[in-house]
Protein backbone atom coordinates (compact mmCIF):
# COMPACT_ATOMS: atom_id res chain seq x y z
CA MET A 1 0.04 0.21 -0.15
CA GLU A 2 2.66 2.40 0.82
CA ILE A 3 4.42 1.68 -2.36
CA ASN A 4 1.00 2.29 -4.31
CA GLY A 5 0.64 5.53 -2.22
CA ILE A 6 4.50 6.80 -3.38
CA ALA A 7 3.91 5.72 -6.79
CA GLN A 8 0.39 7.62 -7.05
CA ILE A 9 2.48 10.94 -5.72
CA SER A 10 5.26 10.36 -8.09
CA LEU A 11 2.57 10.26 -11.18
CA ALA A 12 0.88 12.68 -10.01
CA ILE A 13 4.22 14.97 -9.92
CA ILE A 14 5.31 14.07 -13.19
CA LEU A 15 1.30 14.78 -14.79
CA LYS A 16 1.61 18.19 -13.04
CA SER A 17 4.93 18.62 -14.79
CA MET A 18 3.95 17.58 -18.10
CA SER A 19 0.91 20.14 -17.83
CA ASN A 20 3.22 23.03 -17.09
CA LEU A 21 5.48 22.22 -20.13
CA GLU A 22 2.21 22.21 -22.62
CA PRO A 23 2.26 25.57 -24.59
CA ASN A 24 -0.25 27.86 -24.19
CA TRP A 25 -2.60 27.41 -27.30
CA ASP A 26 -2.30 31.26 -27.78
CA TYR A 27 1.35 30.53 -28.86
CA TYR A 28 0.10 28.29 -31.64
CA ARG A 29 -2.07 31.36 -32.88
CA THR A 30 0.68 33.42 -32.77
CA PHE A 31 3.10 30.86 -34.50
CA LEU A 32 0.38 30.77 -37.64
CA ALA A 33 0.48 34.56 -38.08
CA VAL A 34 4.10 35.12 -37.98
CA ALA A 35 4.22 32.03 -40.43
CA LYS A 36 1.73 34.13 -42.65
CA GLU A 37 3.07 37.48 -42.37
CA GLY A 38 6.67 36.72 -42.41
CA SER A 39 7.46 39.27 -39.57
CA LEU A 40 6.92 39.92 -35.62
CA SER A 41 5.71 43.47 -36.36
CA ALA A 42 2.86 42.46 -39.16
CA ALA A 43 2.06 39.43 -37.29
CA ALA A 44 1.65 42.01 -34.13
CA ARG A 45 -0.69 44.26 -36.08
CA SER A 46 -2.84 41.33 -37.32
CA LEU A 47 -3.14 39.82 -34.29
CA GLY A 48 -3.63 43.20 -32.27
CA LEU A 49 -0.69 42.68 -29.95
CA THR A 50 2.64 44.52 -29.35
CA GLN A 51 5.58 42.96 -31.03
CA PRO A 52 7.57 42.02 -27.87
CA THR A 53 4.47 39.79 -26.76
CA VAL A 54 4.72 37.99 -30.27
CA GLY A 55 8.29 37.35 -29.86
CA ARG A 56 8.16 36.10 -26.07
CA HIS A 57 5.24 34.11 -27.74
CA ILE A 58 7.35 32.44 -30.45
CA ASP A 59 10.25 32.00 -28.00
CA ALA A 60 7.97 30.36 -24.96
CA LEU A 61 6.96 27.81 -27.99
CA GLU A 62 10.20 26.91 -29.15
CA GLN A 63 11.45 26.45 -26.04
CA SER A 64 8.18 24.03 -25.22
CA LEU A 65 8.55 22.18 -28.43
CA GLY A 66 12.52 22.03 -28.30
CA VAL A 67 12.77 23.09 -31.77
CA GLN A 68 13.76 26.31 -33.84
CA LEU A 69 10.75 27.50 -35.63
CA PHE A 70 12.17 30.21 -37.78
CA THR A 71 15.22 31.62 -39.52
CA ARG A 72 16.05 35.19 -40.43
CA SER A 73 16.38 36.34 -43.92
CA PRO A 74 16.67 39.57 -46.26
CA HIS A 75 12.95 38.87 -46.80
CA GLY A 76 11.75 38.31 -43.13
CA LEU A 77 11.25 35.25 -41.09
CA LEU A 78 11.29 31.90 -42.83
CA THR A 79 9.81 28.74 -41.53
CA THR A 80 11.99 25.93 -40.39
CA GLU A 81 11.45 22.15 -41.94
CA ALA A 82 10.28 21.64 -38.23
CA ALA A 83 7.92 24.43 -38.22
CA ASP A 84 6.70 23.33 -41.73
CA GLU A 85 5.88 19.67 -40.34
CA LEU A 86 4.08 21.38 -37.09
CA MET A 87 2.02 23.74 -39.35
CA PRO A 88 -0.62 21.42 -40.28
CA PHE A 89 -1.22 20.29 -36.51
CA ALA A 90 -1.24 24.08 -35.71
CA ARG A 91 -3.93 24.74 -38.19
CA GLN A 92 -6.21 22.04 -37.41
CA LEU A 93 -5.90 23.38 -33.69
CA ALA A 94 -7.12 26.88 -34.74
CA SER A 95 -10.00 25.37 -37.13
CA ASN A 96 -11.07 23.28 -33.96
CA ALA A 97 -11.01 26.71 -31.50
CA ALA A 98 -12.79 28.49 -34.19
CA ALA A 99 -15.40 25.64 -34.47
CA LEU A 100 -15.44 25.26 -30.76
CA LEU A 101 -16.56 29.23 -30.30
CA ARG A 102 -19.05 28.85 -33.26
CA ALA A 103 -20.62 26.16 -31.54
CA ALA A 104 -20.72 27.81 -28.23
CA SER A 105 -22.19 31.22 -29.84
CA GLY A 106 -25.44 29.03 -30.90
CA GLN A 107 -26.22 27.24 -27.98
CA SER A 108 -30.00 28.21 -27.66
CA GLU A 109 -33.13 27.80 -29.62
CA SER A 110 -33.00 30.83 -31.11
CA VAL A 111 -31.20 31.91 -34.64
CA ARG A 112 -28.05 33.33 -33.06
CA GLY A 113 -24.44 32.99 -32.93
CA THR A 114 -21.89 32.38 -35.81
CA VAL A 115 -22.04 30.40 -39.21
CA ARG A 116 -19.06 30.03 -41.37
CA ILE A 117 -19.84 29.35 -44.84
CA SER A 118 -17.51 28.23 -47.73
CA ALA A 119 -17.80 28.83 -51.38
CA SER A 120 -15.84 29.69 -54.42
CA GLU A 121 -14.86 33.19 -55.22
CA ALA A 122 -17.32 33.82 -58.10
CA VAL A 123 -20.18 32.74 -56.22
CA GLY A 124 -18.97 34.31 -52.76
CA VAL A 125 -18.24 37.44 -54.52
CA GLU A 126 -20.98 37.58 -57.55
CA VAL A 127 -24.06 35.35 -56.20
CA LEU A 128 -24.06 34.95 -52.34
CA PRO A 129 -24.37 38.76 -50.86
CA PRO A 130 -28.21 39.26 -51.80
CA ILE A 131 -29.11 35.78 -50.46
CA LEU A 132 -27.14 36.46 -47.11
CA ALA A 133 -28.42 39.96 -46.83
CA GLU A 134 -31.63 38.86 -46.72
CA LEU A 135 -30.59 35.93 -44.54
CA HIS A 136 -29.16 38.60 -42.00
CA ALA A 137 -32.67 41.08 -42.15
CA ALA A 138 -34.40 38.16 -40.87
CA ASN A 139 -31.93 36.92 -38.17
CA PRO A 140 -29.81 40.21 -37.12
CA GLU A 141 -28.09 38.06 -34.18
CA LEU A 142 -26.85 35.79 -36.69
CA THR A 143 -22.99 36.18 -37.67
CA ILE A 144 -21.82 34.90 -40.90
CA GLU A 145 -18.42 34.23 -41.56
CA LEU A 146 -17.65 33.84 -45.57
CA SER A 147 -14.37 31.69 -46.70
CA LEU A 148 -13.72 32.15 -50.30
CA SER A 149 -11.24 29.88 -52.01
CA ASP A 150 -11.76 27.62 -54.96
CA ALA A 151 -10.10 25.00 -52.43
CA VAL A 152 -12.54 22.71 -51.02
CA GLU A 153 -12.70 23.13 -47.28
CA ASP A 154 -13.22 19.82 -45.24
CA LEU A 155 -16.47 19.88 -43.53
CA LEU A 156 -15.78 16.85 -41.43
CA ARG A 157 -12.53 18.85 -39.68
CA GLN A 158 -14.90 21.50 -39.08
CA GLU A 159 -12.93 24.25 -41.45
CA ALA A 160 -16.55 25.36 -42.23
CA ASP A 161 -20.29 24.72 -41.10
CA ILE A 162 -21.37 25.01 -44.26
CA ALA A 163 -20.19 24.51 -47.98
CA VAL A 164 -21.27 25.79 -51.53
CA ARG A 165 -19.43 23.53 -53.45
CA MET A 166 -19.02 22.59 -57.60
CA VAL A 167 -18.47 18.99 -56.80
CA GLU A 168 -20.81 16.31 -55.39
CA PRO A 169 -19.46 15.66 -51.84
CA LYS A 170 -18.85 12.03 -51.10
CA GLN A 171 -18.48 11.74 -47.17
CA GLU A 172 -21.31 9.73 -45.63
CA ALA A 173 -21.33 12.26 -42.61
CA LEU A 174 -22.59 15.25 -44.22
CA VAL A 175 -26.20 16.40 -45.21
CA THR A 176 -26.41 17.30 -48.72
CA ARG A 177 -28.71 19.22 -51.59
CA ARG A 178 -28.19 19.07 -55.14
CA ILE A 179 -28.83 22.80 -56.17
CA GLY A 180 -28.71 22.36 -59.88
CA GLY A 181 -26.61 23.00 -62.96
CA ILE A 182 -25.10 26.61 -63.39
CA PRO A 183 -24.59 26.86 -66.97
CA LEU A 184 -21.24 28.50 -68.34
CA GLY A 185 -20.56 30.11 -71.69
CA PHE A 186 -18.26 32.30 -73.79
CA HIS A 187 -18.67 35.62 -73.43
CA ALA A 188 -16.57 38.90 -74.56
CA HIS A 189 -17.03 42.45 -74.29
CA ARG A 190 -18.90 44.24 -76.84
CA ARG A 191 -16.29 46.68 -77.47
CA TYR A 192 -13.67 43.72 -77.68
CA LEU A 193 -15.88 41.95 -80.60
CA GLU A 194 -16.07 45.37 -82.63
CA ALA A 195 -12.85 45.49 -82.85
CA ARG A 196 -11.65 41.69 -83.46
CA GLY A 197 -14.75 40.41 -84.71
CA THR A 198 -17.30 37.59 -83.60
CA PRO A 199 -15.94 34.05 -83.80
CA ALA A 200 -18.14 31.50 -86.04
CA SER A 201 -17.22 28.17 -84.68
CA LEU A 202 -14.89 26.95 -81.85
CA SER A 203 -12.07 26.76 -84.39
CA ASP A 204 -12.33 30.82 -84.92
CA LEU A 205 -11.09 31.06 -81.08
CA ALA A 206 -7.53 30.12 -82.36
CA GLY A 207 -7.26 33.77 -83.95
CA HIS A 208 -8.55 35.31 -80.75
CA SER A 209 -7.45 36.71 -77.25
CA ILE A 210 -8.48 33.85 -74.99
CA ILE A 211 -9.04 33.93 -71.17
CA GLY A 212 -7.98 30.57 -69.58
CA PHE A 213 -6.83 28.71 -66.42
CA ASP A 214 -3.40 28.55 -65.36
CA ARG A 215 -3.35 25.20 -64.20
CA GLU A 216 -5.24 21.98 -65.73
CA THR A 217 -8.05 20.98 -63.21
CA ALA A 218 -10.77 17.94 -63.63
CA PHE A 219 -13.24 20.88 -64.94
CA ILE A 220 -10.68 21.68 -67.79
CA ARG A 221 -9.87 18.26 -68.90
CA ALA A 222 -13.96 17.21 -68.94
CA MET A 223 -14.19 20.36 -71.11
CA ARG A 224 -11.08 19.53 -73.53
CA LYS A 225 -12.58 15.97 -73.83
CA ARG A 226 -15.92 17.49 -74.73
CA LEU A 227 -14.53 20.16 -77.03
CA PRO A 228 -11.19 18.94 -78.55
CA GLU A 229 -10.97 22.13 -80.56
CA LEU A 230 -9.63 23.69 -77.54
CA ASP A 231 -6.66 22.19 -77.80
CA ALA A 232 -5.55 24.34 -80.37
CA VAL A 233 -6.71 27.53 -78.54
CA ARG A 234 -3.75 29.50 -76.96
CA PHE A 235 -4.57 31.30 -73.81
CA ALA A 236 -3.44 35.01 -74.13
CA LEU A 237 -4.35 35.57 -70.10
CA LYS A 238 -4.07 32.48 -67.60
CA THR A 239 -5.45 32.78 -64.16
CA ASP A 240 -6.98 30.60 -62.01
CA ASN A 241 -8.98 33.18 -60.04
CA ASN A 242 -12.73 32.86 -61.72
CA ILE A 243 -13.44 36.54 -60.47
CA ALA A 244 -9.96 37.74 -62.14
CA GLN A 245 -11.39 35.84 -65.49
CA LEU A 246 -14.64 37.77 -65.26
CA SER A 247 -13.14 40.98 -64.54
CA ALA A 248 -10.65 40.75 -67.68
CA ILE A 249 -14.05 39.65 -69.79
CA ARG A 250 -15.38 42.86 -68.59
CA ALA A 251 -12.49 44.71 -69.43
CA GLY A 252 -12.49 44.00 -72.95
CA PHE A 253 -9.04 41.92 -72.75
CA GLY A 254 -10.81 39.00 -74.70
CA ILE A 255 -13.25 35.86 -74.48
CA GLY A 256 -13.62 33.88 -71.86
CA ILE A 257 -15.92 31.35 -69.81
CA CYS A 258 -18.17 32.79 -67.23
CA GLN A 259 -21.53 32.15 -65.53
CA ILE A 260 -24.33 32.93 -67.85
CA ALA A 261 -26.43 34.70 -65.41
CA LEU A 262 -23.13 37.08 -64.12
CA ALA A 263 -22.43 38.01 -67.92
CA ARG A 264 -26.25 38.96 -68.17
CA ARG A 265 -26.08 41.77 -65.76
CA ASP A 266 -23.65 43.66 -67.69
CA PRO A 267 -25.38 44.80 -71.24
CA GLU A 268 -22.17 45.04 -72.73
CA LEU A 269 -21.20 41.65 -72.16
CA VAL A 270 -22.02 39.29 -74.83
CA ARG A 271 -22.36 35.66 -75.37
CA VAL A 272 -20.45 33.74 -78.35
CA LEU A 273 -20.76 30.71 -79.69
CA ALA A 274 -23.82 30.01 -77.53
CA LYS A 275 -24.80 27.16 -79.92
CA GLU A 276 -21.64 25.37 -79.88
CA PHE A 277 -20.81 25.41 -76.18
CA GLU A 278 -22.65 25.41 -73.06
CA PHE A 279 -20.89 23.51 -69.93
CA SER A 280 -22.88 23.11 -66.72
CA LEU A 281 -21.36 23.56 -63.54
CA GLU A 282 -23.25 21.00 -60.92
CA THR A 283 -23.90 22.68 -57.55
CA TYR A 284 -24.14 21.07 -53.95
CA LEU A 285 -25.04 22.52 -50.37
CA ALA A 286 -23.47 20.47 -47.72
CA MET A 287 -22.97 20.64 -43.90
CA HIS A 288 -22.09 18.15 -41.36
CA GLU A 289 -24.81 15.96 -40.29
CA ASN A 290 -24.24 16.79 -36.23
CA LEU A 291 -25.30 20.42 -37.25
CA ARG A 292 -28.41 19.66 -38.88
CA ASN A 293 -30.48 20.29 -35.81
CA THR A 294 -28.56 23.66 -34.86
CA PRO A 295 -30.93 26.55 -35.52
CA ARG A 296 -28.33 28.69 -36.70
CA CYS A 297 -26.70 26.33 -39.25
CA ARG A 298 -30.44 24.92 -40.06
CA VAL A 299 -31.92 28.09 -41.00
CA THR A 300 -28.77 29.33 -42.86
CA PHE A 301 -28.43 25.82 -44.71
CA ASP A 302 -32.53 26.42 -45.95
CA ALA A 303 -31.93 30.13 -47.04
CA LEU A 304 -28.54 29.01 -49.14
CA ALA A 305 -30.43 26.44 -50.68
CA LYS A 306 -33.38 28.48 -51.62
CA GLY A 307 -31.68 31.39 -52.77
CA LEU A 308 -29.08 29.34 -54.77
CA MET A 309 -32.09 27.09 -56.62
CA ASP A 310 -33.98 30.25 -57.48
CA TYR A 311 -30.65 31.86 -58.71
CA VAL A 312 -30.17 28.72 -60.96
CA GLY A 313 -33.96 28.67 -61.86
CA SER A 314 -33.81 32.25 -63.08
CA ILE A 315 -30.79 31.50 -65.65
CA ARG A 316 -32.79 29.25 -67.76
CA ALA A 317 -36.02 31.45 -67.30
CA ALA A 318 -33.88 34.43 -68.57
CA GLN A 319 -32.29 32.86 -71.58
CA ARG A 320 -33.39 33.67 -74.84
CA PRO A 321 -33.79 31.21 -77.50
CA ASP A 322 -30.81 31.89 -79.43
CA ASP A 323 -28.69 31.64 -76.65
CA ARG A 324 -29.87 28.08 -75.71
CA PRO A 325 -27.65 25.19 -77.29
CA THR A 326 -28.78 23.43 -80.12
CA PRO A 327 -30.19 19.68 -79.08
């Protein structure tokens, strides 16, 4: 009994010592900020802290972990190999902490708290704002976080509560709703067409300034497989940012692909090769099944579903007969 008692006391001392060595969670937040900003001063500004405090956080984290996280260079602080290995875990900590705060903020039957929505840049900038404005007007105690990226955020890891996706979600733990196909088409500014002429066929695109993608994606591969004529086209402007592509079309740079509904908002944008090309972008709404009965997420999910389905429905209704592709 005496030995067991001594062992228990020793174990308690060891556990207490280990807990003292565990870094403060704020240090990981500071670590991520310094890695992103590249300097202590910039990280301090982004976090609302002083530069000495940020420096102390990094020193304390390095001491606790026993590794060097940053090295100085003429271009600022660079992450070490050890820091790069720790980065995914630090990001997961930050994601979990944000998810915890969102969950805590909505623990009531009323629609209040924070909901984080992930969407592509084009949808987030051009399509969602009026939907979110109506949602907020009906639920003023709801705080909306909008994460815009063409990368798919992981709902299972709680990087977002609700996601608008252009690929069908495969995870079984997600509640999903198919929104429908958003049609895309070739468009150009009227000024460009007056100067360069209007292509009469897909093969004519080879003689025009085409706005395209910088990297080949599954979408691009599918489009090229369906339209082999595009293999002969040389992109005069390459960017993976859909908003940048749309802006270039609006500026009269050349011919590019964008959502038909977005192009219709500008009377100076003209759809070209309507009968030769239309590509549908399948759209889905998804959230983790654990959130389906949470008021803030349920109401937001339903509002997004209705708004997006109305948007998709309005596209077909607004199409002129000569805009529809030949069956």
